[in-house]
Amino acid sequence: MKLQSIVFVITYFFLFIIYCHGSANVHVSDSLIVDDSGRVRIYHGVNFVMKGFPWYPPELLDPIKVANLSQWGINFIRLGMMWAGVEPQPQKYNVTYLNIMKQ
């Protein structure tokens, strides 16, 4: 991987972290996840990974399905990103894919 590739990925990663910072400031205390106000946070989540084209789970773009997840008590999603979606060809980055994943 060339230096430009590494710089691109690191820059995008830090922009993502900055965008998400402050959304849930939590830490572990006595094996519990606790927020800055001392409240115990309990996460109910699902895992979404698409290991083939289009490299993202299309159901997450459907507002009704996302609303259903919330109504069912899901408050955390582990979203897998595939490198083949980020860099489909050497030195060619799929910014559309990155924007969809950021959404």
N, C-alpha and C. Protein backbone atom coordinates (compact mmCIF):
# COMPACT_ATOMS: atom_id res chain seq x y z
N MET A 1 0.86 -1.17 0.00
CA MET A 1 0.00 0.00 0.00
C MET A 1 0.91 1.23 0.00
N LYS A 2 0.62 2.14 -0.87
CA LYS A 2 1.46 3.33 -0.99
C LYS A 2 1.09 4.37 0.08
N LEU A 3 1.98 5.30 0.24
CA LEU A 3 1.80 6.34 1.26
C LEU A 3 0.50 7.10 1.06
N GLN A 4 0.12 7.41 -0.18
CA GLN A 4 -1.13 8.15 -0.44
C GLN A 4 -2.33 7.36 0.07
N SER A 5 -2.31 6.05 -0.14
CA SER A 5 -3.42 5.21 0.33
C SER A 5 -3.54 5.27 1.84
N ILE A 6 -2.41 5.16 2.50
CA ILE A 6 -2.40 5.18 3.96
C ILE A 6 -2.89 6.53 4.48
N VAL A 7 -2.40 7.60 3.88
CA VAL A 7 -2.81 8.95 4.31
C VAL A 7 -4.31 9.14 4.10
N PHE A 8 -4.83 8.68 2.96
CA PHE A 8 -6.26 8.81 2.68
C PHE A 8 -7.10 8.09 3.72
N VAL A 9 -6.75 6.84 4.01
CA VAL A 9 -7.53 6.04 4.96
C VAL A 9 -7.44 6.63 6.36
N ILE A 10 -6.26 7.03 6.78
CA ILE A 10 -6.10 7.62 8.12
C ILE A 10 -6.88 8.92 8.24
N THR A 11 -6.82 9.75 7.20
CA THR A 11 -7.56 11.02 7.23
C THR A 11 -9.05 10.77 7.33
N TYR A 12 -9.57 9.86 6.51
CA TYR A 12 -11.01 9.57 6.54
C TYR A 12 -11.41 9.00 7.90
N PHE A 13 -10.57 8.12 8.47
CA PHE A 13 -10.85 7.54 9.77
C PHE A 13 -10.95 8.61 10.84
N PHE A 14 -9.99 9.54 10.87
CA PHE A 14 -10.02 10.59 11.89
C PHE A 14 -11.19 11.54 11.69
N LEU A 15 -11.56 11.82 10.45
CA LEU A 15 -12.75 12.64 10.21
C LEU A 15 -14.00 11.95 10.74
N PHE A 16 -14.07 10.63 10.56
CA PHE A 16 -15.19 9.86 11.08
C PHE A 16 -15.22 9.91 12.61
N ILE A 17 -14.07 9.76 13.23
CA ILE A 17 -13.99 9.80 14.70
C ILE A 17 -14.41 11.18 15.21
N ILE A 18 -13.91 12.22 14.56
CA ILE A 18 -14.28 13.58 14.98
C ILE A 18 -15.78 13.79 14.84
N TYR A 19 -16.36 13.28 13.76
CA TYR A 19 -17.80 13.41 13.51
C TYR A 19 -18.60 12.73 14.61
N CYS A 20 -18.10 11.58 15.10
CA CYS A 20 -18.84 10.79 16.10
C CYS A 20 -18.50 11.18 17.54
N HIS A 21 -17.43 11.93 17.76
CA HIS A 21 -17.00 12.25 19.12
C HIS A 21 -18.10 12.99 19.88
N GLY A 22 -18.30 12.56 21.09
CA GLY A 22 -19.29 13.21 21.94
C GLY A 22 -20.67 12.59 21.84
N SER A 23 -20.86 11.65 20.91
CA SER A 23 -22.18 11.06 20.77
C SER A 23 -22.49 10.13 21.94
N ALA A 24 -21.48 9.56 22.55
CA ALA A 24 -21.69 8.71 23.71
C ALA A 24 -20.37 8.57 24.46
N ASN A 25 -20.09 9.50 25.33
CA ASN A 25 -18.87 9.43 26.13
C ASN A 25 -19.09 8.44 27.26
N VAL A 26 -18.50 7.25 27.11
CA VAL A 26 -18.71 6.18 28.08
C VAL A 26 -17.36 5.60 28.49
N HIS A 27 -17.36 4.89 29.61
CA HIS A 27 -16.18 4.18 30.07
C HIS A 27 -16.64 2.94 30.82
N VAL A 28 -15.72 2.04 31.10
CA VAL A 28 -16.04 0.82 31.83
C VAL A 28 -15.73 1.03 33.30
N SER A 29 -16.70 0.67 34.14
CA SER A 29 -16.53 0.77 35.59
C SER A 29 -17.14 -0.49 36.21
N ASP A 30 -16.32 -1.29 36.89
CA ASP A 30 -16.79 -2.53 37.51
C ASP A 30 -17.55 -3.40 36.51
N SER A 31 -17.02 -3.55 35.32
CA SER A 31 -17.57 -4.37 34.23
C SER A 31 -18.90 -3.84 33.68
N LEU A 32 -19.23 -2.59 34.01
CA LEU A 32 -20.42 -1.95 33.44
C LEU A 32 -20.00 -0.80 32.54
N ILE A 33 -20.79 -0.50 31.53
CA ILE A 33 -20.55 0.65 30.68
C ILE A 33 -21.32 1.82 31.28
N VAL A 34 -20.58 2.88 31.63
CA VAL A 34 -21.15 4.01 32.36
C VAL A 34 -20.88 5.29 31.56
N ASP A 35 -21.88 6.19 31.50
CA ASP A 35 -21.67 7.46 30.79
C ASP A 35 -21.13 8.51 31.76
N ASP A 36 -20.90 9.71 31.23
CA ASP A 36 -20.31 10.77 32.05
C ASP A 36 -21.20 11.22 33.19
N SER A 37 -22.49 10.92 33.12
CA SER A 37 -23.42 11.28 34.20
C SER A 37 -23.55 10.19 35.24
N GLY A 38 -22.80 9.09 35.08
CA GLY A 38 -22.85 8.00 36.05
C GLY A 38 -23.94 6.98 35.76
N ARG A 39 -24.66 7.13 34.66
CA ARG A 39 -25.72 6.19 34.32
C ARG A 39 -25.14 4.96 33.65
N VAL A 40 -25.65 3.78 33.99
CA VAL A 40 -25.24 2.54 33.33
C VAL A 40 -25.92 2.50 31.97
N ARG A 41 -25.13 2.27 30.93
CA ARG A 41 -25.65 2.21 29.56
C ARG A 41 -25.76 0.75 29.15
N ILE A 42 -26.89 0.36 28.65
CA ILE A 42 -27.10 -1.00 28.17
C ILE A 42 -27.39 -0.93 26.68
N TYR A 43 -26.57 -1.64 25.90
CA TYR A 43 -26.70 -1.61 24.45
C TYR A 43 -27.33 -2.91 23.97
N HIS A 44 -28.26 -2.77 23.06
CA HIS A 44 -28.90 -3.90 22.39
C HIS A 44 -28.59 -3.72 20.91
N GLY A 45 -27.82 -4.64 20.35
CA GLY A 45 -27.35 -4.39 19.00
C GLY A 45 -27.46 -5.56 18.05
N VAL A 46 -27.16 -5.24 16.81
CA VAL A 46 -27.13 -6.21 15.73
C VAL A 46 -25.86 -5.97 14.92
N ASN A 47 -25.49 -6.97 14.15
CA ASN A 47 -24.31 -6.91 13.32
C ASN A 47 -24.75 -6.88 11.85
N PHE A 48 -24.28 -5.91 11.08
CA PHE A 48 -24.57 -5.82 9.66
C PHE A 48 -23.26 -5.84 8.89
N VAL A 49 -23.07 -6.86 8.07
CA VAL A 49 -21.90 -6.96 7.21
C VAL A 49 -22.35 -7.49 5.87
N MET A 50 -21.89 -6.89 4.80
CA MET A 50 -22.18 -7.35 3.45
C MET A 50 -20.85 -7.69 2.81
N LYS A 51 -20.59 -8.99 2.60
CA LYS A 51 -19.29 -9.43 2.10
C LYS A 51 -19.27 -9.60 0.58
N GLY A 52 -20.15 -8.91 -0.10
CA GLY A 52 -20.19 -8.91 -1.56
C GLY A 52 -20.77 -7.60 -2.04
N PHE A 53 -20.67 -7.36 -3.35
CA PHE A 53 -21.18 -6.11 -3.91
C PHE A 53 -22.65 -5.96 -3.55
N PRO A 54 -23.11 -4.81 -3.11
CA PRO A 54 -22.52 -3.48 -3.13
C PRO A 54 -21.69 -3.15 -1.89
N TRP A 55 -21.36 -4.16 -1.07
CA TRP A 55 -20.47 -4.02 0.08
C TRP A 55 -21.10 -3.31 1.27
N TYR A 56 -22.37 -2.96 1.19
CA TYR A 56 -23.07 -2.39 2.34
C TYR A 56 -24.45 -3.03 2.39
N PRO A 57 -25.04 -3.17 3.59
CA PRO A 57 -26.37 -3.76 3.71
C PRO A 57 -27.45 -2.78 3.25
N PRO A 58 -28.10 -3.03 2.10
CA PRO A 58 -29.07 -2.08 1.57
C PRO A 58 -30.24 -1.80 2.52
N GLU A 59 -30.56 -2.74 3.39
CA GLU A 59 -31.69 -2.52 4.30
C GLU A 59 -31.45 -1.35 5.25
N LEU A 60 -30.19 -0.98 5.47
CA LEU A 60 -29.91 0.15 6.34
C LEU A 60 -30.18 1.50 5.67
N LEU A 61 -30.45 1.49 4.37
CA LEU A 61 -30.81 2.72 3.67
C LEU A 61 -32.32 2.92 3.63
N ASP A 62 -33.06 1.95 4.11
CA ASP A 62 -34.52 2.02 4.14
C ASP A 62 -34.96 2.60 5.48
N PRO A 63 -35.52 3.84 5.48
CA PRO A 63 -35.88 4.48 6.75
C PRO A 63 -36.91 3.68 7.56
N ILE A 64 -37.77 2.95 6.90
CA ILE A 64 -38.78 2.15 7.62
C ILE A 64 -38.10 1.01 8.37
N LYS A 65 -37.16 0.34 7.72
CA LYS A 65 -36.46 -0.76 8.39
C LYS A 65 -35.60 -0.25 9.55
N VAL A 66 -34.99 0.90 9.36
CA VAL A 66 -34.19 1.48 10.45
C VAL A 66 -35.10 1.87 11.61
N ALA A 67 -36.27 2.44 11.31
CA ALA A 67 -37.23 2.79 12.36
C ALA A 67 -37.70 1.54 13.10
N ASN A 68 -37.88 0.44 12.37
CA ASN A 68 -38.27 -0.82 13.01
C ASN A 68 -37.21 -1.28 13.99
N LEU A 69 -35.95 -1.18 13.61
CA LEU A 69 -34.88 -1.58 14.53
C LEU A 69 -34.97 -0.78 15.83
N SER A 70 -35.20 0.51 15.70
CA SER A 70 -35.32 1.36 16.89
C SER A 70 -36.52 0.95 17.73
N GLN A 71 -37.64 0.69 17.08
CA GLN A 71 -38.86 0.28 17.81
C GLN A 71 -38.67 -1.06 18.52
N TRP A 72 -37.83 -1.91 17.98
CA TRP A 72 -37.57 -3.21 18.59
C TRP A 72 -36.55 -3.13 19.71
N GLY A 73 -36.06 -1.92 20.00
CA GLY A 73 -35.13 -1.73 21.10
C GLY A 73 -33.67 -1.80 20.71
N ILE A 74 -33.37 -1.84 19.42
CA ILE A 74 -31.98 -1.86 18.96
C ILE A 74 -31.43 -0.45 19.07
N ASN A 75 -30.36 -0.29 19.83
CA ASN A 75 -29.77 1.04 19.98
C ASN A 75 -28.28 1.05 19.62
N PHE A 76 -27.82 -0.03 19.00
CA PHE A 76 -26.41 -0.12 18.62
C PHE A 76 -26.29 -1.01 17.39
N ILE A 77 -25.53 -0.56 16.40
CA ILE A 77 -25.29 -1.37 15.20
C ILE A 77 -23.80 -1.48 14.99
N ARG A 78 -23.34 -2.70 14.82
CA ARG A 78 -21.95 -2.94 14.44
C ARG A 78 -21.96 -3.08 12.92
N LEU A 79 -21.36 -2.11 12.27
CA LEU A 79 -21.41 -2.04 10.81
C LEU A 79 -20.05 -2.39 10.23
N GLY A 80 -19.99 -3.50 9.51
CA GLY A 80 -18.74 -3.93 8.90
C GLY A 80 -18.45 -3.19 7.61
N MET A 81 -17.22 -2.73 7.47
CA MET A 81 -16.78 -2.10 6.22
C MET A 81 -15.82 -3.04 5.53
N MET A 82 -16.02 -3.23 4.24
CA MET A 82 -15.17 -4.13 3.48
C MET A 82 -14.16 -3.31 2.67
N TRP A 83 -12.89 -3.73 2.72
CA TRP A 83 -11.86 -2.98 2.01
C TRP A 83 -12.12 -2.98 0.50
N ALA A 84 -12.70 -4.04 -0.02
CA ALA A 84 -13.01 -4.09 -1.45
C ALA A 84 -14.02 -3.00 -1.83
N GLY A 85 -14.83 -2.57 -0.89
CA GLY A 85 -15.75 -1.46 -1.13
C GLY A 85 -15.04 -0.12 -1.08
N VAL A 86 -14.03 0.00 -0.23
CA VAL A 86 -13.29 1.25 -0.09
C VAL A 86 -12.34 1.45 -1.28
N GLU A 87 -11.60 0.40 -1.64
CA GLU A 87 -10.61 0.49 -2.71
C GLU A 87 -10.85 -0.65 -3.71
N PRO A 88 -11.84 -0.48 -4.62
CA PRO A 88 -12.17 -1.57 -5.54
C PRO A 88 -11.04 -1.90 -6.52
N GLN A 89 -10.21 -0.94 -6.82
CA GLN A 89 -9.03 -1.14 -7.66
C GLN A 89 -7.88 -0.40 -6.99
N PRO A 90 -6.64 -0.87 -7.23
CA PRO A 90 -5.51 -0.19 -6.59
C PRO A 90 -5.49 1.31 -6.90
N GLN A 91 -5.36 2.09 -5.84
CA GLN A 91 -5.28 3.56 -5.92
C GLN A 91 -6.58 4.22 -6.38
N LYS A 92 -7.69 3.51 -6.43
CA LYS A 92 -8.99 4.08 -6.82
C LYS A 92 -9.95 3.85 -5.66
N TYR A 93 -10.37 4.96 -5.05
CA TYR A 93 -11.20 4.87 -3.86
C TYR A 93 -12.64 5.19 -4.21
N ASN A 94 -13.54 4.43 -3.60
CA ASN A 94 -14.96 4.58 -3.84
C ASN A 94 -15.53 5.53 -2.78
N VAL A 95 -15.53 6.81 -3.10
CA VAL A 95 -16.01 7.82 -2.16
C VAL A 95 -17.52 7.65 -1.94
N THR A 96 -18.23 7.20 -2.94
CA THR A 96 -19.67 6.94 -2.78
C THR A 96 -19.91 5.92 -1.68
N TYR A 97 -19.14 4.85 -1.69
CA TYR A 97 -19.25 3.82 -0.66
C TYR A 97 -18.96 4.40 0.72
N LEU A 98 -17.91 5.19 0.83
CA LEU A 98 -17.56 5.80 2.12
C LEU A 98 -18.67 6.73 2.60
N ASN A 99 -19.27 7.48 1.71
CA ASN A 99 -20.36 8.38 2.10
C ASN A 99 -21.60 7.60 2.53
N ILE A 100 -21.88 6.49 1.84
CA ILE A 100 -23.03 5.65 2.24
C ILE A 100 -22.77 5.08 3.63
N MET A 101 -21.56 4.62 3.88
CA MET A 101 -21.25 4.05 5.19
C MET A 101 -21.29 5.11 6.29
N LYS A 102 -20.92 6.32 5.95
CA LYS A 102 -20.98 7.42 6.94
C LYS A 102 -22.42 7.80 7.26
N GLN A 103 -23.28 7.64 6.30
CA GLN A 103 -24.70 8.00 6.45
C GLN A 103 -25.31 7.17 7.54
